[in-house]
Amino acid sequence: MPGAGHASLGAPWARVFASDLFGYGLCSAAALALDWSLLILLVKAGMNYLVAAAISFMAGMVLAYVGSILFVFRGRRARRVTTEIAGFLLIGFAGLALNQVLIFVFVHFGGLHVGLAKAPTAACVFMFNFLLRRALLFASAPHAA
């Protein structure tokens, strides 16, 4: 039977997932713009690229959190705000560790400029953060008001 046993894109969970991915992608694009521009600015000002990458990543993480709770996962905030922020930050710091390792590898071993190294790094960290945050923090169904 065609389609038997396969989830269609019309399935409610698939529509919600796609909507979350798109919304989180937009929020992350804004956060990445802040992260990337601050990274380049700090490196040009003479800061070590790994220190600059950590500072710029954390600035982007704050913007990603605000955008996520305001625009993407607004109806699925099942935890207390302090627990939610702690979880978001813990996942973010795990993403920061991944960011630092990848930036180092691409710059030190790949010979890329830090600005170019940020591109593949950002793609990997985006998926890591989105999948963990959605699964661990914002997976529940929207609550009725």
Foldseek 3Di string as FASTA:
>chain_A
DPPPPHDDCPDPVNVLVVQLLVQLVVQLVVLVVQLLVQLVVCVVVPDDSLVSNLVSLVSSLVSSVVSCCVPRQVQQQPDDPVVLVVQSVVLSVVLSVLLSVQLCCCVVVVVDDSSVSVVVSSVVSSVSSSVCCCVPGRVDDGDDD
